Amino acid sequence: MPANINVRKATSADCPRMMELVNELAVYERAPHEVTVALDHFIESGFGSNPVWWAFVAEQDGVILGFALYYVRYSTWKGQRMYLEDILVTEEARGKGLGSLLMNALIAEAKGRKFTGITWQVLNWNEPAINFYKKFNTRFDNEWVNGILEIS
């Protein structure tokens, strides 16, 4: 574990760096052209009068090296659940435990908010991520197919 790692709730001042990491993630996932959200919209969506997402950041010496962003999803069968939209540790800092620190912060948050679970998606070719999630006794669901309807 690297020294001086601090995991904390994100603030609006963290958003420019978080967007840099979003773009890094998009490159890793082979879809950099898919990131179209504007920084102002990102900030408003997380820190405006009606936030729709929350996040934790992992920083070392004041530099954000990773983040985990979630929102509330409602299941008619299970109730309120945390939906993990993105968890990312920058490439240089991977394999040093930051992802586990972020995941543990999410689990504590989910328990504290009395969510019934945490759900997310992972690309089927992303073996490092799949192996990371397996450490948390994750159950993978291969039955459901994603549906996407783009609204322009």
Protein backbone atom coordinates (compact mmCIF):
# COMPACT_ATOMS: atom_id res chain seq x y z
CA MET A 1 0.00 0.00 0.00
CA PRO A 2 1.51 3.36 -0.99
CA ALA A 3 2.12 5.82 1.81
CA ASN A 4 -0.03 8.90 2.36
CA ILE A 5 -3.14 7.58 0.58
CA ASN A 6 -6.31 9.40 1.54
CA VAL A 7 -9.76 8.21 0.47
CA ARG A 8 -12.46 10.84 0.87
CA LYS A 9 -15.74 12.03 -0.59
CA ALA A 10 -15.27 13.99 -3.78
CA THR A 11 -15.82 17.75 -3.94
CA SER A 12 -16.66 19.94 -6.90
CA ALA A 13 -13.02 21.05 -7.02
CA ASP A 14 -12.08 17.43 -7.83
CA CYS A 15 -14.18 17.32 -11.00
CA PRO A 16 -11.56 18.51 -13.53
CA ARG A 17 -9.15 15.78 -12.39
CA MET A 18 -11.97 13.21 -12.29
CA MET A 19 -12.81 14.07 -15.91
CA GLU A 20 -9.17 13.54 -16.85
CA LEU A 21 -9.47 10.06 -15.35
CA VAL A 22 -12.80 9.48 -17.13
CA ASN A 23 -10.99 10.16 -20.39
CA GLU A 24 -8.17 7.83 -19.37
CA LEU A 25 -10.76 5.12 -18.67
CA ALA A 26 -12.40 5.71 -22.06
CA VAL A 27 -9.06 5.23 -23.80
CA TYR A 28 -8.47 2.00 -21.83
CA GLU A 29 -11.96 0.79 -22.77
CA ARG A 30 -11.24 1.59 -26.43
CA ALA A 31 -13.93 4.26 -26.70
CA PRO A 32 -12.42 7.73 -26.19
CA HIS A 33 -14.88 9.24 -28.69
CA GLU A 34 -17.80 8.18 -26.46
CA VAL A 35 -17.03 10.76 -23.72
CA THR A 36 -19.24 13.72 -24.60
CA VAL A 37 -20.20 15.12 -21.19
CA ALA A 38 -19.13 18.71 -20.58
CA LEU A 39 -17.28 19.56 -17.38
CA ASP A 40 -19.97 22.08 -16.33
CA HIS A 41 -22.67 19.42 -16.70
CA PHE A 42 -20.54 16.90 -14.78
CA ILE A 43 -20.08 19.36 -11.91
CA GLU A 44 -23.76 20.37 -11.85
CA SER A 45 -24.86 16.73 -11.88
CA GLY A 46 -22.75 15.93 -8.82
CA PHE A 47 -22.79 19.16 -6.86
CA GLY A 48 -25.73 21.23 -8.07
CA SER A 49 -29.06 21.71 -6.30
CA ASN A 50 -30.19 18.17 -7.19
CA PRO A 51 -27.13 15.88 -7.33
CA VAL A 52 -27.58 12.57 -9.13
CA TRP A 53 -24.15 11.09 -8.44
CA TRP A 54 -21.68 10.86 -5.56
CA ALA A 55 -18.05 9.81 -5.53
CA PHE A 56 -14.98 8.96 -3.51
CA VAL A 57 -11.47 9.91 -4.56
CA ALA A 58 -8.14 8.32 -3.62
CA GLU A 59 -5.32 10.79 -3.45
CA GLN A 60 -1.65 10.74 -2.60
CA ASP A 61 0.10 13.95 -1.62
CA GLY A 62 -2.90 15.92 -2.90
CA VAL A 63 -2.96 14.25 -6.33
CA ILE A 64 -6.08 12.23 -7.21
CA LEU A 65 -4.98 8.81 -8.45
CA GLY A 66 -8.40 7.19 -8.58
CA PHE A 67 -12.10 7.58 -8.00
CA ALA A 68 -15.31 5.62 -7.64
CA LEU A 69 -18.56 7.26 -8.79
CA TYR A 70 -22.01 5.90 -7.96
CA TYR A 71 -25.68 6.75 -8.02
CA VAL A 72 -28.83 5.28 -6.51
CA ARG A 73 -30.68 2.65 -8.51
CA TYR A 74 -34.09 1.38 -7.51
CA SER A 75 -35.05 -2.26 -7.93
CA THR A 76 -38.72 -3.17 -7.58
CA TRP A 77 -37.53 -6.52 -6.25
CA LYS A 78 -34.69 -5.40 -3.95
CA GLY A 79 -35.24 -1.71 -3.12
CA GLN A 80 -32.50 0.93 -3.21
CA ARG A 81 -29.15 -0.25 -4.49
CA MET A 82 -25.89 1.49 -5.22
CA TYR A 83 -24.97 1.51 -8.90
CA LEU A 84 -21.23 1.80 -9.38
CA GLU A 85 -20.83 3.74 -12.62
CA ASP A 86 -17.04 3.87 -12.64
CA ILE A 87 -14.14 2.86 -10.47
CA LEU A 88 -10.75 3.81 -11.83
CA VAL A 89 -7.20 3.93 -10.60
CA THR A 90 -4.78 5.66 -12.92
CA GLU A 91 -2.45 3.30 -14.75
CA GLU A 92 0.68 4.23 -12.78
CA ALA A 93 -1.02 3.52 -9.45
CA ARG A 94 -2.72 0.21 -10.30
CA GLY A 95 -1.89 -2.88 -8.29
CA LYS A 96 -1.08 -0.95 -5.11
CA GLY A 97 -4.35 -1.33 -3.21
CA LEU A 98 -6.10 1.93 -4.11
CA GLY A 99 -8.95 0.10 -5.85
CA SER A 100 -9.56 -1.96 -2.72
CA LEU A 101 -9.59 1.19 -0.59
CA LEU A 102 -12.16 2.75 -2.92
CA MET A 103 -14.28 -0.42 -3.02
CA ASN A 104 -14.22 -0.64 0.78
CA ALA A 105 -15.37 3.00 0.97
CA LEU A 106 -18.26 2.15 -1.37
CA ILE A 107 -19.23 -0.89 0.70
CA ALA A 108 -19.21 1.19 3.89
CA GLU A 109 -21.30 3.89 2.19
CA ALA A 110 -23.79 1.31 0.90
CA LYS A 111 -24.15 -0.17 4.38
CA GLY A 112 -24.46 3.28 5.95
CA ARG A 113 -27.18 4.30 3.50
CA LYS A 114 -28.93 0.94 4.00
CA PHE A 115 -28.72 -0.02 0.32
CA THR A 116 -29.53 -3.66 -0.40
CA GLY A 117 -26.45 -4.16 -2.58
CA ILE A 118 -24.07 -2.76 -5.15
CA THR A 119 -24.37 -3.44 -8.87
CA TRP A 120 -22.19 -2.54 -11.83
CA GLN A 121 -21.09 -3.62 -15.28
CA VAL A 122 -17.69 -4.75 -16.43
CA LEU A 123 -16.56 -5.41 -19.98
CA ASN A 124 -16.23 -9.13 -20.59
CA TRP A 125 -12.66 -8.72 -21.92
CA ASN A 126 -11.45 -6.70 -18.92
CA GLU A 127 -9.83 -9.58 -17.02
CA PRO A 128 -7.92 -7.36 -14.56
CA ALA A 129 -11.19 -5.73 -13.46
CA ILE A 130 -13.04 -9.05 -13.31
CA ASN A 131 -10.28 -10.53 -11.16
CA PHE A 132 -10.35 -7.46 -8.92
CA TYR A 133 -14.10 -7.81 -8.36
CA LYS A 134 -13.75 -11.52 -7.60
CA LYS A 135 -11.76 -10.57 -4.48
CA PHE A 136 -15.02 -9.16 -3.08
CA ASN A 137 -17.00 -12.39 -3.65
CA THR A 138 -18.85 -10.83 -6.56
CA ARG A 139 -21.55 -12.83 -8.30
CA PHE A 140 -21.51 -12.22 -12.04
CA ASP A 141 -24.79 -12.36 -13.98
CA ASN A 142 -24.52 -13.57 -17.55
CA GLU A 143 -28.28 -13.80 -18.09
CA TRP A 144 -29.25 -10.16 -18.66
CA VAL A 145 -28.53 -8.27 -21.88
CA ASN A 146 -27.86 -4.53 -21.77
CA GLY A 147 -30.37 -2.30 -23.52
CA ILE A 148 -29.39 1.22 -24.53
CA LEU A 149 -31.62 3.87 -26.06
CA GLU A 150 -29.74 7.03 -26.95
CA ILE A 151 -31.74 10.26 -26.61
CA SER A 152 -30.43 13.26 -28.53
